[in-house]
Amino acid sequence: MTPSAAALLWMAAAQAGAALGGASPSSGQGSADQVPETPQTTLSAPPGMANGAPRTLKTRSSTTTAGIDLALSAQVLTQTLNVSGGAQQLQTGLLAAPLVGFGLTAPRFGFSVAYNPQLYLVDISQGPLDVMHRGWVLAEWKVSSAWRLYLAERISYGNTNLAIPATSISGGSAGQQPPQLNPSRVGSLLYENNDSSLGASARLSRSLRFSVLAGYVNSGGVGSAAELVMPHQQGPRAEATLDYQLSSASTLGTALAAQANYFSVGRDIYVSTLAETWRVRLSRQTSAWLIGGVGVTNTDVATELVYKKLDPIGGVGMESGTKTRLPVTAFFQLLLSPYVDPYLAVAYQRLTADASITWRLASKWALGIAANAALVPYRGQVAQKYGSANANLAWTFAKDMSVAVGGYWMWQLGTATTAANFNQWGAYVSFNVADFEHI
């Protein structure tokens, strides 16, 4: 993992039809990234942005430059929600996510700050208007040719709507989202998040790379009514990784991570994981990986595939692409890992599957398809599982300007105490524009 990638880990957002990033086994905590905003992967970036942040965050330039990022992502969404018991809801809403950011690039230092609010008019005919204020600060310092330091601060505060589909814009990732809670009744939720992280990385030799990350998360519902739906939680997290290049085509990575979740309902959950990842390049355009390890929690995990407080970790994935005039890229991952549910304040395992394919039909046209699913093998309750699919067709009609049309479908089977059975589908038209001006 490169320093900049680790610094951006907590605010990365997948674009519609883009290859879905694989979640590491240690990153499944119930932090803000799992809160169902629209899209659920928060701090989403219009085209022209890198990993949900202004593209000026880099330290490779030989001169010092500064610039302003301006962007707008807007979408009209019509959706139908069918809930068990016969309830049905049809509405057309409007979503807008403007962005203004400032970036500074120097030979050894990079800095960026951005404000990216999300405004969602739930129903054009009657409202209400949900506003989520979101912003971040990123900094990276190249201490030497081998060492880099970086920090990230992300803040969100405002109303988020729990009835919004995970796949409406971003394609989402079922492996990164909790189940929804009875979306026909919960509606808007006042929510806050403060996510801070500090990290360092070093290239110890030509074949050995080391990185470490420490952070603190404070997130959840604001007020007693909101905390009944999503308890407030806070706690530190830490992760250390060691990557060893076995050959020109394979790499072995070791990741040790720990996190603490202190919930407002009086429940404390601690999770530690140790995972090995073997990644091999099968060809110039195709690579695959295997993941294996174990997780330890301070409470008995309420799933079948565990031994007391030990949780096995396993996964397999592959990504491939073509460098033709009309390239095609594909991604797939199957992962079993521990997870802390931010709604239920319990730890369990999830088996998640993520797949996507993007095909550039012409120089200005692209087709994207993504599918995601998650299975929670509960021991004392009915299995809670859900899936989603999203497809869109995007047209880039000018530099950093595009329009897309698409549709989505989401399905969930829940328990009587946590969620209603429902299926949801809809169609949308979105517009994106981005601009970068040197100053």
Protein backbone atom coordinates (compact mmCIF):
# COMPACT_ATOMS: atom_id res chain seq x y z
CA MET A 1 0.00 0.00 0.00
CA THR A 2 1.45 3.34 -1.01
CA PRO A 3 1.40 6.22 1.45
CA SER A 4 -1.14 8.25 -0.47
CA ALA A 5 -3.43 5.24 -0.87
CA ALA A 6 -3.35 4.58 2.87
CA ALA A 7 -4.03 8.21 3.66
CA LEU A 8 -7.04 8.18 1.35
CA LEU A 9 -8.33 4.79 2.52
CA TRP A 10 -11.09 6.20 4.69
CA MET A 11 -12.62 8.52 2.10
CA ALA A 12 -12.21 6.59 -1.15
CA ALA A 13 -15.41 6.43 -3.22
CA ALA A 14 -16.00 4.15 -6.20
CA GLN A 15 -17.59 5.78 -9.24
CA ALA A 16 -20.49 4.13 -11.05
CA GLY A 17 -19.24 1.28 -13.18
CA ALA A 18 -15.67 1.62 -11.87
CA ALA A 19 -13.83 -1.36 -10.47
CA LEU A 20 -14.84 -1.85 -6.86
CA GLY A 21 -11.99 -1.61 -4.38
CA GLY A 22 -11.52 -4.69 -2.21
CA ALA A 23 -11.98 -4.07 1.49
CA SER A 24 -9.20 -5.38 3.65
CA PRO A 25 -10.21 -7.85 6.35
CA SER A 26 -9.31 -5.31 9.00
CA SER A 27 -11.33 -2.45 7.58
CA GLY A 28 -14.83 -3.75 8.31
CA GLN A 29 -15.56 -1.70 11.38
CA GLY A 30 -18.80 0.19 11.66
CA SER A 31 -17.35 3.58 10.85
CA ALA A 32 -18.76 6.39 8.78
CA ASP A 33 -17.89 4.67 5.52
CA GLN A 34 -20.73 2.27 6.23
CA VAL A 35 -23.39 4.90 6.94
CA PRO A 36 -26.08 4.77 4.27
CA GLU A 37 -25.84 8.24 2.82
CA THR A 38 -26.30 8.71 -0.92
CA PRO A 39 -24.08 7.26 -2.17
CA GLN A 40 -23.19 5.14 0.84
CA THR A 41 -19.49 5.43 0.11
CA THR A 42 -19.29 8.99 1.41
CA LEU A 43 -17.25 11.86 0.04
CA SER A 44 -17.94 10.69 -3.48
CA ALA A 45 -16.06 12.48 -6.21
CA PRO A 46 -17.24 13.59 -9.64
CA PRO A 47 -15.04 12.70 -12.62
CA GLY A 48 -11.68 14.40 -12.40
CA MET A 49 -11.22 13.75 -8.71
CA ALA A 50 -8.84 11.11 -7.37
CA ASN A 51 -10.18 8.74 -4.71
CA GLY A 52 -12.71 11.26 -3.48
CA ALA A 53 -10.12 14.00 -2.90
CA PRO A 54 -8.73 16.90 -4.92
CA ARG A 55 -6.28 15.51 -7.43
CA THR A 56 -3.54 17.94 -6.32
CA LEU A 57 -2.43 15.74 -3.39
CA LYS A 58 0.96 14.49 -4.58
CA THR A 59 4.60 15.27 -3.91
CA ARG A 60 6.21 14.29 -7.19
CA SER A 61 6.24 17.73 -8.77
CA SER A 62 9.59 19.49 -9.07
CA THR A 63 7.95 22.89 -8.53
CA THR A 64 5.42 24.33 -6.10
CA THR A 65 1.92 24.78 -7.51
CA ALA A 66 -1.49 25.60 -6.07
CA GLY A 67 -4.96 25.25 -7.46
CA ILE A 68 -8.70 25.24 -6.81
CA ASP A 69 -10.98 22.31 -7.56
CA LEU A 70 -14.61 22.98 -8.45
CA ALA A 71 -17.07 20.17 -9.15
CA LEU A 72 -20.75 19.34 -9.20
CA SER A 73 -22.54 16.01 -9.26
CA ALA A 74 -26.33 16.10 -9.67
CA GLN A 75 -28.87 13.33 -10.09
CA VAL A 76 -32.59 12.88 -10.57
CA LEU A 77 -33.67 9.56 -9.04
CA THR A 78 -37.02 7.78 -9.32
CA GLN A 79 -37.37 4.77 -7.04
CA THR A 80 -39.93 2.25 -5.88
CA LEU A 81 -39.70 0.65 -2.44
CA ASN A 82 -41.65 -2.54 -1.69
CA VAL A 83 -41.63 -3.56 1.98
CA SER A 84 -42.98 -6.75 3.53
CA GLY A 85 -46.55 -6.28 4.70
CA GLY A 86 -47.70 -4.61 1.50
CA ALA A 87 -46.21 -1.14 1.98
CA GLN A 88 -45.13 0.51 -1.25
CA GLN A 89 -43.54 3.88 -1.93
CA LEU A 90 -42.86 5.64 -5.24
CA GLN A 91 -40.99 8.93 -5.27
CA THR A 92 -38.73 11.09 -7.40
CA GLY A 93 -35.92 12.92 -5.67
CA LEU A 94 -33.08 15.27 -6.54
CA LEU A 95 -29.51 14.81 -5.30
CA ALA A 96 -26.70 17.36 -5.62
CA ALA A 97 -23.12 17.21 -4.34
CA PRO A 98 -21.10 20.37 -5.09
CA LEU A 99 -17.40 20.43 -4.25
CA VAL A 100 -14.90 23.22 -3.72
CA GLY A 101 -11.33 22.42 -2.77
CA PHE A 102 -7.85 23.87 -2.54
CA GLY A 103 -4.64 21.96 -3.19
CA LEU A 104 -0.97 22.77 -2.78
CA THR A 105 1.80 20.66 -4.31
CA ALA A 106 5.49 21.01 -3.46
CA PRO A 107 8.48 18.75 -4.12
CA ARG A 108 8.28 17.20 -0.63
CA PHE A 109 4.84 18.22 0.59
CA GLY A 110 1.23 17.92 -0.51
CA PHE A 111 -1.86 19.49 1.07
CA SER A 112 -5.52 19.67 0.18
CA VAL A 113 -8.74 20.78 1.84
CA ALA A 114 -12.25 20.42 0.46
CA TYR A 115 -15.91 20.99 1.27
CA ASN A 116 -18.31 18.54 -0.39
CA PRO A 117 -21.88 18.85 1.00
CA GLN A 118 -24.62 16.50 -0.08
CA LEU A 119 -28.12 17.88 -0.62
CA TYR A 120 -30.97 15.44 -1.14
CA LEU A 121 -34.56 16.46 -1.83
CA VAL A 122 -36.27 13.23 -0.87
CA ASP A 123 -39.43 13.95 -2.89
CA ILE A 124 -39.53 16.77 -5.42
CA SER A 125 -43.23 17.32 -4.78
CA GLN A 126 -43.12 17.57 -0.98
CA GLY A 127 -39.57 17.29 0.41
CA PRO A 128 -38.00 17.16 2.91
CA LEU A 129 -34.51 18.45 2.08
CA ASP A 130 -31.69 16.53 3.78
CA VAL A 131 -28.34 18.32 3.99
CA MET A 132 -25.14 16.50 4.94
CA HIS A 133 -22.10 18.74 5.44
CA ARG A 134 -18.89 16.90 4.52
CA GLY A 135 -15.29 17.99 4.30
CA TRP A 136 -11.74 16.73 4.61
CA VAL A 137 -8.13 17.79 5.05
CA LEU A 138 -5.23 15.74 3.67
CA ALA A 139 -1.48 16.25 4.02
CA GLU A 140 1.55 14.23 2.96
CA TRP A 141 5.22 14.85 3.71
CA LYS A 142 8.09 13.10 1.95
CA VAL A 143 10.63 12.97 4.79
CA SER A 144 13.28 11.21 2.70
CA SER A 145 13.57 9.01 -0.34
CA ALA A 146 12.36 6.08 1.78
CA TRP A 147 10.00 7.60 4.39
CA ARG A 148 6.65 9.36 4.04
CA LEU A 149 4.27 10.75 6.67
CA TYR A 150 0.62 11.53 6.03
CA LEU A 151 -2.54 12.56 7.86
CA ALA A 152 -6.22 12.76 7.04
CA GLU A 153 -9.16 14.37 8.80
CA ARG A 154 -12.73 13.83 7.63
CA ILE A 155 -15.82 15.42 9.13
CA SER A 156 -19.52 14.88 8.35
CA TYR A 157 -22.58 16.37 10.03
CA GLY A 158 -26.19 16.56 8.97
CA ASN A 159 -29.20 14.53 7.93
CA THR A 160 -28.84 11.25 6.07
CA ASN A 161 -31.77 9.29 4.69
CA LEU A 162 -31.82 5.57 5.46
CA ALA A 163 -34.30 4.82 2.69
CA ILE A 164 -31.84 5.76 -0.06
CA PRO A 165 -30.46 2.87 -2.11
CA ALA A 166 -26.80 2.01 -1.79
CA THR A 167 -26.31 1.77 -5.55
CA SER A 168 -28.01 4.91 -6.82
CA ILE A 169 -24.80 6.69 -7.84
CA SER A 170 -21.65 5.00 -6.77
CA GLY A 171 -22.43 1.37 -7.45
CA GLY A 172 -21.71 0.88 -3.77
CA SER A 173 -20.20 -2.22 -2.25
CA ALA A 174 -22.23 -4.63 -0.17
CA GLY A 175 -19.04 -5.61 1.55
CA GLN A 176 -18.80 -2.12 3.04
CA GLN A 177 -22.38 -1.47 4.12
CA PRO A 178 -24.58 -2.55 7.01
CA PRO A 179 -28.14 -3.72 6.47
CA GLN A 180 -30.78 -1.02 6.28
CA LEU A 181 -33.25 -0.75 9.14
CA ASN A 182 -36.87 -0.75 8.03
CA PRO A 183 -36.39 1.98 5.42
CA SER A 184 -40.12 2.73 5.07
CA ARG A 185 -40.31 3.97 8.68
CA VAL A 186 -36.92 5.33 9.72
CA GLY A 187 -36.42 8.05 7.10
CA SER A 188 -33.95 10.82 7.89
CA LEU A 189 -31.39 10.54 10.66
CA LEU A 190 -29.26 13.31 12.19
CA TYR A 191 -25.73 11.96 12.02
CA GLU A 192 -22.18 13.08 12.74
CA ASN A 193 -18.74 11.65 12.05
CA ASN A 194 -15.20 12.69 12.88
CA ASP A 195 -12.54 10.39 11.44
CA SER A 196 -8.86 11.19 12.05
CA SER A 197 -5.86 9.16 10.92
CA LEU A 198 -2.09 9.51 10.96
CA GLY A 199 0.29 7.20 9.16
CA ALA A 200 3.78 6.54 7.90
CA SER A 201 5.36 4.25 5.35
CA ALA A 202 8.88 3.26 4.41
CA ARG A 203 10.63 1.26 1.74
CA LEU A 204 13.06 -0.75 3.84
CA SER A 205 14.70 -2.39 0.84
CA ARG A 206 14.05 -3.04 -2.83
CA SER A 207 11.67 -5.86 -1.91
CA LEU A 208 10.36 -4.86 1.53
CA ARG A 209 7.83 -2.12 2.32
CA PHE A 210 6.39 -1.21 5.74
CA SER A 211 3.44 1.01 6.70
CA VAL A 212 1.59 1.89 9.89
CA LEU A 213 -1.71 3.68 10.44
CA ALA A 214 -3.36 5.00 13.63
CA GLY A 215 -6.71 6.70 13.85
CA TYR A 216 -9.74 7.59 15.94
CA VAL A 217 -13.41 7.54 14.94
CA ASN A 218 -16.33 9.30 16.63
CA SER A 219 -19.60 8.72 14.80
CA GLY A 220 -23.27 7.86 15.10
CA GLY A 221 -26.73 9.35 15.57
CA VAL A 222 -27.09 12.76 17.19
CA GLY A 223 -29.73 13.01 19.90
CA SER A 224 -31.63 10.36 21.82
CA ALA A 225 -34.05 9.59 18.97
CA ALA A 226 -31.25 9.14 16.43
CA GLU A 227 -29.19 7.01 18.82
CA LEU A 228 -32.07 4.57 19.12
CA VAL A 229 -31.56 3.81 15.42
CA MET A 230 -27.77 4.19 15.24
CA PRO A 231 -25.96 4.22 18.59
CA HIS A 232 -23.08 6.63 18.97
CA GLN A 233 -19.68 4.97 18.88
CA GLN A 234 -16.09 6.02 19.27
CA GLY A 235 -12.73 4.36 19.56
CA PRO A 236 -9.19 4.06 18.23
CA ARG A 237 -7.91 1.85 15.43
CA ALA A 238 -4.42 0.85 14.34
CA GLU A 239 -2.93 -1.17 11.51
CA ALA A 240 0.56 -2.24 10.48
CA THR A 241 1.42 -3.90 7.17
CA LEU A 242 4.55 -5.50 5.80
CA ASP A 243 4.78 -6.28 2.08
CA TYR A 244 7.51 -8.50 0.70
CA GLN A 245 8.08 -8.89 -3.02
CA LEU A 246 8.73 -12.58 -3.57
CA SER A 247 9.44 -12.19 -7.27
CA SER A 248 8.71 -9.85 -10.13
CA ALA A 249 5.22 -11.37 -10.34
CA SER A 250 4.19 -12.05 -6.72
CA THR A 251 3.96 -10.26 -3.38
CA LEU A 252 3.24 -11.50 0.14
CA GLY A 253 1.61 -9.06 2.56
CA THR A 254 1.08 -9.32 6.31
CA ALA A 255 -1.46 -7.06 8.04
CA LEU A 256 -2.01 -6.77 11.80
CA ALA A 257 -4.92 -4.56 12.87
CA ALA A 258 -6.91 -3.72 15.99
CA GLN A 259 -9.92 -1.55 16.70
CA ALA A 260 -12.04 -0.62 19.72
CA ASN A 261 -15.71 0.35 19.50
CA TYR A 262 -17.29 2.02 22.53
CA PHE A 263 -21.04 2.29 21.97
CA SER A 264 -23.45 4.66 23.73
CA VAL A 265 -25.66 1.68 24.62
CA GLY A 266 -22.97 0.56 27.09
CA ARG A 267 -21.43 -2.12 24.92
CA ASP A 268 -17.70 -2.25 24.13
CA ILE A 269 -16.40 -4.38 21.27
CA TYR A 270 -12.72 -5.07 20.49
CA VAL A 271 -11.57 -6.74 17.29
CA SER A 272 -8.04 -7.73 16.27
CA THR A 273 -7.08 -9.38 12.99
CA LEU A 274 -4.00 -10.98 11.47
CA ALA A 275 -4.18 -11.63 7.73
CA GLU A 276 -1.82 -12.77 4.97
CA THR A 277 -2.39 -11.77 1.37
CA TRP A 278 -0.60 -13.45 -1.53
CA ARG A 279 -0.92 -11.48 -4.74
CA VAL A 280 0.34 -12.81 -8.08
CA ARG A 281 0.40 -11.25 -11.51
CA LEU A 282 -0.88 -13.80 -14.00
CA SER A 283 -0.21 -11.61 -17.02
CA ARG A 284 0.57 -7.99 -17.81
CA GLN A 285 -3.11 -7.10 -17.39
CA THR A 286 -4.38 -9.72 -14.91
CA SER A 287 -3.64 -10.29 -11.23
CA ALA A 288 -5.19 -12.47 -8.53
CA TRP A 289 -4.91 -12.73 -4.75
CA LEU A 290 -5.63 -15.06 -1.85
CA ILE A 291 -6.36 -13.90 1.72
CA GLY A 292 -6.14 -15.99 4.88
CA GLY A 293 -6.02 -15.18 8.57
CA VAL A 294 -7.85 -15.02 11.86
CA GLY A 295 -9.73 -12.45 13.90
CA VAL A 296 -10.21 -12.27 17.68
CA THR A 297 -13.03 -10.48 19.50
CA ASN A 298 -13.76 -9.88 23.17
CA THR A 299 -17.31 -11.21 22.75
CA ASP A 300 -18.73 -14.36 21.21
CA VAL A 301 -19.48 -13.56 17.59
CA ALA A 302 -23.10 -14.32 16.75
CA THR A 303 -22.40 -16.41 13.66
CA GLU A 304 -21.85 -20.04 12.85
CA LEU A 305 -18.42 -19.99 11.20
CA VAL A 306 -16.43 -19.27 14.36
CA TYR A 307 -14.70 -21.09 17.20
CA LYS A 308 -15.59 -19.28 20.44
CA LYS A 309 -13.99 -15.85 20.01
CA LEU A 310 -11.88 -16.77 16.95
CA ASP A 311 -13.11 -15.76 13.51
CA PRO A 312 -11.51 -17.18 10.36
CA ILE A 313 -10.63 -14.75 7.57
CA GLY A 314 -10.50 -15.86 3.96
CA GLY A 315 -10.83 -14.39 0.53
CA VAL A 316 -10.04 -14.67 -3.15
CA GLY A 317 -10.08 -12.05 -5.86
CA MET A 318 -9.04 -11.17 -9.38
CA GLU A 319 -8.81 -8.07 -11.55
CA SER A 320 -8.12 -7.83 -15.24
CA GLY A 321 -8.12 -5.34 -18.06
CA THR A 322 -7.25 -4.83 -21.68
CA LYS A 323 -5.17 -2.06 -23.24
CA THR A 324 -7.00 -2.01 -26.53
CA ARG A 325 -8.51 1.07 -28.16
CA LEU A 326 -11.78 0.24 -26.37
CA PRO A 327 -10.54 -1.19 -23.04
CA VAL A 328 -12.47 -3.49 -20.70
CA THR A 329 -11.73 -3.77 -16.98
CA ALA A 330 -13.16 -6.32 -14.55
CA PHE A 331 -12.97 -6.96 -10.80
CA PHE A 332 -14.16 -9.75 -8.49
CA GLN A 333 -13.67 -10.51 -4.81
CA LEU A 334 -15.16 -12.98 -2.32
CA LEU A 335 -14.31 -12.21 1.32
CA LEU A 336 -15.17 -13.65 4.75
CA SER A 337 -14.17 -11.33 7.61
CA PRO A 338 -15.28 -9.95 11.01
CA TYR A 339 -17.59 -6.95 11.05
CA VAL A 340 -18.91 -4.59 13.72
CA ASP A 341 -22.49 -3.53 12.98
CA PRO A 342 -23.00 0.19 13.77
CA TYR A 343 -26.77 -0.28 14.14
CA LEU A 344 -26.97 -3.38 16.32
CA ALA A 345 -23.67 -2.78 18.20
CA VAL A 346 -22.68 -6.43 17.78
CA ALA A 347 -19.79 -8.22 16.09
CA TYR A 348 -20.41 -10.87 13.48
CA GLN A 349 -18.98 -12.31 10.30
CA ARG A 350 -19.98 -11.41 6.78
CA LEU A 351 -19.38 -13.25 3.56
CA THR A 352 -19.36 -10.61 0.84
CA ALA A 353 -19.08 -10.76 -2.93
CA ASP A 354 -18.25 -7.82 -5.16
CA ALA A 355 -17.98 -7.79 -8.95
CA SER A 356 -17.86 -5.12 -11.62
CA ILE A 357 -17.04 -4.65 -15.25
CA THR A 358 -16.47 -1.47 -17.25
CA TRP A 359 -16.40 -1.40 -21.03
CA ARG A 360 -15.44 1.70 -22.99
CA LEU A 361 -17.75 1.43 -25.98
CA ALA A 362 -16.19 4.41 -27.75
CA SER A 363 -13.84 7.26 -26.96
CA LYS A 364 -16.61 9.13 -25.12
CA TRP A 365 -18.96 6.31 -24.08
CA ALA A 366 -18.62 3.79 -21.24
CA LEU A 367 -20.85 1.04 -19.88
CA GLY A 368 -20.52 0.00 -16.24
CA ILE A 369 -22.14 -2.91 -14.40
CA ALA A 370 -21.67 -3.75 -10.71
CA ALA A 371 -23.18 -6.42 -8.46
CA ASN A 372 -22.74 -6.88 -4.70
CA ALA A 373 -24.05 -9.31 -2.11
CA ALA A 374 -23.58 -10.07 1.57
CA LEU A 375 -24.56 -13.02 3.75
CA VAL A 376 -24.62 -12.88 7.54
CA PRO A 377 -24.83 -16.42 8.96
CA TYR A 378 -26.59 -15.63 12.26
CA ARG A 379 -26.71 -18.37 14.87
CA GLY A 380 -29.77 -17.31 16.87
CA GLN A 381 -31.74 -15.40 14.25
CA VAL A 382 -32.97 -15.68 10.70
CA ALA A 383 -30.13 -15.08 8.25
CA GLN A 384 -29.88 -11.44 7.26
CA LYS A 385 -28.69 -11.10 3.69
CA TYR A 386 -28.92 -8.59 0.91
CA GLY A 387 -27.72 -7.86 -2.58
CA SER A 388 -27.66 -5.07 -5.11
CA ALA A 389 -26.96 -4.44 -8.76
CA ASN A 390 -26.31 -1.29 -10.72
CA ALA A 391 -25.77 -0.50 -14.39
CA ASN A 392 -25.18 2.77 -16.19
CA LEU A 393 -24.16 4.26 -19.49
CA ALA A 394 -21.97 7.37 -19.32
CA TRP A 395 -21.19 9.92 -22.00
CA THR A 396 -18.26 12.32 -21.63
CA PHE A 397 -19.34 15.12 -23.96
CA ALA A 398 -16.61 17.61 -22.99
CA LYS A 399 -13.46 17.76 -20.88
CA ASP A 400 -14.36 16.80 -17.28
CA MET A 401 -18.07 16.89 -18.12
CA SER A 402 -20.30 13.84 -18.38
CA VAL A 403 -23.88 12.65 -18.17
CA ALA A 404 -25.05 9.14 -17.26
CA VAL A 405 -28.27 7.16 -17.23
CA GLY A 406 -28.69 4.00 -15.19
CA GLY A 407 -30.77 1.77 -13.02
CA TYR A 408 -30.36 -0.18 -9.80
CA TRP A 409 -31.97 -2.94 -7.78
CA MET A 410 -31.52 -3.79 -4.10
CA TRP A 411 -32.97 -6.64 -2.07
CA GLN A 412 -32.81 -7.47 1.62
CA LEU A 413 -34.11 -10.26 3.84
CA GLY A 414 -34.07 -9.16 7.47
CA THR A 415 -35.16 -10.22 10.92
CA ALA A 416 -38.25 -9.13 12.80
CA THR A 417 -36.14 -7.07 15.20
CA THR A 418 -33.67 -5.47 12.82
CA ALA A 419 -35.13 -4.87 9.39
CA ALA A 420 -38.09 -5.42 7.12
CA ASN A 421 -37.86 -7.62 4.07
CA PHE A 422 -37.83 -5.32 1.07
CA ASN A 423 -36.82 -4.89 -2.52
CA GLN A 424 -36.11 -1.58 -4.15
CA TRP A 425 -35.43 -0.49 -7.69
CA GLY A 426 -35.20 2.69 -9.67
CA ALA A 427 -33.68 4.68 -12.51
CA TYR A 428 -31.60 7.83 -12.54
CA VAL A 429 -30.01 10.48 -14.72
CA SER A 430 -26.87 12.15 -13.41
CA PHE A 431 -24.67 15.03 -14.49
CA ASN A 432 -21.05 15.60 -13.47
CA VAL A 433 -18.68 18.48 -14.09
CA ALA A 434 -15.25 19.19 -12.64
CA ASP A 435 -12.67 21.93 -13.15
CA PHE A 436 -9.19 22.64 -11.82
CA GLU A 437 -7.73 26.12 -11.94
CA HIS A 438 -4.10 26.95 -11.14
CA ILE A 439 -3.58 30.01 -8.97
